[in-house]
Amino acid sequence: MLEFLIRDAKTAPKSFGYKLKNNLLTLEDQEEALTSPRWAYRFARNVKVANIEVCQEGAIKDPGWAYNFARYVKGANIEVCQEQAVKDPYWAYRFARYVKGANIKVCQEAIKDPEWAYRFARDVPGANIEGATC
């Protein structure tokens, strides 16, 4: 029985997660990476030959991964990522605070939650404290 398991394990295709963990991803895996915003981000960040624009389109479907893409992927289009990240007040706050090149005004205008508006005014250099909407 063990002999069959070992033989099958050698011939079974490796999952995306396995390839990612073991640094085995290639450009051929990019299409599978686009099935998840998290995978699209991780593919762009970890595979040198990744098409950044294509991966970005996959990653920005979620505000959190849009933020991560802008912050950690070299060559990311900051404006495109910001448009998606500001759809959630938490990610709008983090985007303004941690992403170089973020448009502070756009991030601040997107925050309608009083808690995040307060944190934004307190923590983000360049925040318009007097013009805050909350």
Protein backbone atom coordinates (compact mmCIF):
# COMPACT_ATOMS: atom_id res chain seq x y z
CA MET A 1 0.00 0.00 0.00
CA LEU A 2 2.78 2.44 0.91
CA GLU A 3 4.41 1.75 -2.44
CA PHE A 4 1.25 2.97 -4.26
CA LEU A 5 1.10 6.16 -2.19
CA ILE A 6 4.73 6.98 -2.87
CA ARG A 7 4.32 6.34 -6.60
CA ASP A 8 1.17 8.51 -6.75
CA ALA A 9 2.82 11.30 -4.77
CA LYS A 10 5.64 11.46 -7.30
CA THR A 11 3.33 11.66 -10.30
CA ALA A 12 0.55 13.82 -8.82
CA PRO A 13 0.55 17.44 -9.99
CA LYS A 14 1.66 19.87 -7.32
CA SER A 15 -0.83 22.43 -6.05
CA PHE A 16 -0.33 26.17 -6.39
CA GLY A 17 0.19 26.45 -2.64
CA TYR A 18 2.83 23.73 -2.68
CA LYS A 19 4.67 25.37 -5.56
CA LEU A 20 4.50 28.77 -3.87
CA LYS A 21 5.82 27.43 -0.57
CA ASN A 22 8.67 25.59 -2.28
CA ASN A 23 9.57 28.36 -4.73
CA LEU A 24 8.60 26.26 -7.75
CA LEU A 25 6.21 28.67 -9.50
CA THR A 26 6.79 29.51 -13.14
CA LEU A 27 5.10 31.80 -15.63
CA GLU A 28 2.82 28.90 -16.60
CA ASP A 29 1.25 29.09 -13.11
CA GLN A 30 0.16 32.72 -13.55
CA GLU A 31 -3.29 31.83 -14.89
CA GLU A 32 -4.03 29.77 -11.78
CA ALA A 33 -2.74 32.62 -9.61
CA LEU A 34 -5.39 34.92 -11.05
CA THR A 35 -8.19 32.83 -9.53
CA SER A 36 -7.59 34.45 -6.13
CA PRO A 37 -6.60 38.02 -5.15
CA ARG A 38 -4.22 36.61 -2.54
CA TRP A 39 -2.52 34.30 -5.01
CA ALA A 40 -2.28 37.02 -7.65
CA TYR A 41 -0.51 39.26 -5.12
CA ARG A 42 1.81 36.51 -3.93
CA PHE A 43 2.61 35.44 -7.48
CA ALA A 44 3.55 39.00 -8.45
CA ARG A 45 5.64 39.40 -5.32
CA ASN A 46 7.46 36.05 -5.52
CA VAL A 47 7.88 35.27 -9.24
CA LYS A 48 10.39 37.43 -11.05
CA VAL A 49 8.88 36.85 -14.49
CA ALA A 50 5.32 37.66 -13.43
CA ASN A 51 3.30 40.08 -15.51
CA ILE A 52 2.70 42.75 -12.87
CA GLU A 53 -0.20 44.43 -14.70
CA VAL A 54 -2.11 41.18 -15.11
CA CYS A 55 -1.48 40.12 -11.52
CA GLN A 56 -2.55 43.55 -10.29
CA GLU A 57 -5.91 43.16 -12.02
CA GLY A 58 -6.41 39.91 -10.12
CA ALA A 59 -5.24 41.27 -6.78
CA ILE A 60 -7.27 44.49 -6.69
CA LYS A 61 -10.56 42.62 -6.54
CA ASP A 62 -10.15 42.81 -2.75
CA PRO A 63 -9.28 46.09 -0.94
CA GLY A 64 -6.80 44.41 1.39
CA TRP A 65 -4.86 42.75 -1.39
CA ALA A 66 -4.96 45.99 -3.38
CA TYR A 67 -3.22 47.67 -0.43
CA ASN A 68 -0.67 44.87 -0.12
CA PHE A 69 -0.01 44.94 -3.85
CA ALA A 70 0.67 48.68 -3.82
CA ARG A 71 2.87 48.47 -0.76
CA TYR A 72 4.95 45.40 -1.51
CA VAL A 73 5.03 44.78 -5.28
CA LYS A 74 7.61 46.70 -7.24
CA GLY A 75 6.04 48.25 -10.33
CA ALA A 76 2.50 48.39 -8.96
CA ASN A 77 0.24 51.14 -10.26
CA ILE A 78 -0.45 53.03 -7.02
CA GLU A 79 -3.47 54.94 -8.36
CA VAL A 80 -5.27 51.80 -9.55
CA CYS A 81 -4.60 49.99 -6.27
CA GLN A 82 -5.74 53.03 -4.28
CA GLU A 83 -9.08 53.17 -6.11
CA GLN A 84 -9.87 49.71 -4.77
CA ALA A 85 -8.24 49.98 -1.34
CA VAL A 86 -10.28 53.05 -0.35
CA LYS A 87 -13.51 51.08 -0.63
CA ASP A 88 -12.87 49.94 2.95
CA PRO A 89 -12.03 52.54 5.65
CA TYR A 90 -9.43 50.33 7.33
CA TRP A 91 -7.52 49.82 4.10
CA ALA A 92 -7.91 53.49 3.12
CA TYR A 93 -6.28 54.43 6.43
CA ARG A 94 -3.44 51.94 5.99
CA PHE A 95 -2.96 52.96 2.37
CA ALA A 96 -2.52 56.62 3.29
CA ARG A 97 -0.28 55.81 6.21
CA TYR A 98 2.04 53.22 4.67
CA VAL A 99 2.05 53.41 0.86
CA LYS A 100 4.56 55.79 -0.67
CA GLY A 101 2.87 57.92 -3.29
CA ALA A 102 -0.64 57.57 -1.86
CA ASN A 103 -3.04 60.44 -2.47
CA ILE A 104 -3.84 61.43 1.13
CA LYS A 105 -6.83 63.54 0.13
CA VAL A 106 -8.51 60.68 -1.77
CA CYS A 107 -7.97 58.29 1.13
CA GLN A 108 -9.34 60.76 3.67
CA GLU A 109 -12.43 61.54 1.59
CA ALA A 110 -13.22 57.83 1.37
CA ILE A 111 -13.29 57.34 5.14
CA LYS A 112 -16.80 57.87 6.51
CA ASP A 113 -16.37 55.83 9.69
CA PRO A 114 -15.73 58.08 12.76
CA GLU A 115 -13.18 55.73 14.34
CA TRP A 116 -11.05 55.53 11.20
CA ALA A 117 -11.47 59.27 10.54
CA TYR A 118 -10.10 59.95 14.02
CA ARG A 119 -7.17 57.58 13.53
CA PHE A 120 -6.51 59.06 10.11
CA ALA A 121 -6.34 62.60 11.51
CA ARG A 122 -4.16 61.42 14.38
CA ASP A 123 -1.71 59.20 12.49
CA VAL A 124 -1.42 60.31 8.86
CA PRO A 125 0.93 63.18 8.11
CA GLY A 126 -0.77 65.65 5.79
CA ALA A 127 -4.31 64.79 6.88
CA ASN A 128 -6.77 67.68 6.66
CA ILE A 129 -7.95 67.81 10.27
CA GLU A 130 -10.21 70.81 9.82
CA GLY A 131 -11.83 69.50 6.63
CA ALA A 132 -12.55 65.99 7.95
CA THR A 133 -15.99 64.66 6.96
CA CYS A 134 -16.69 62.78 10.19
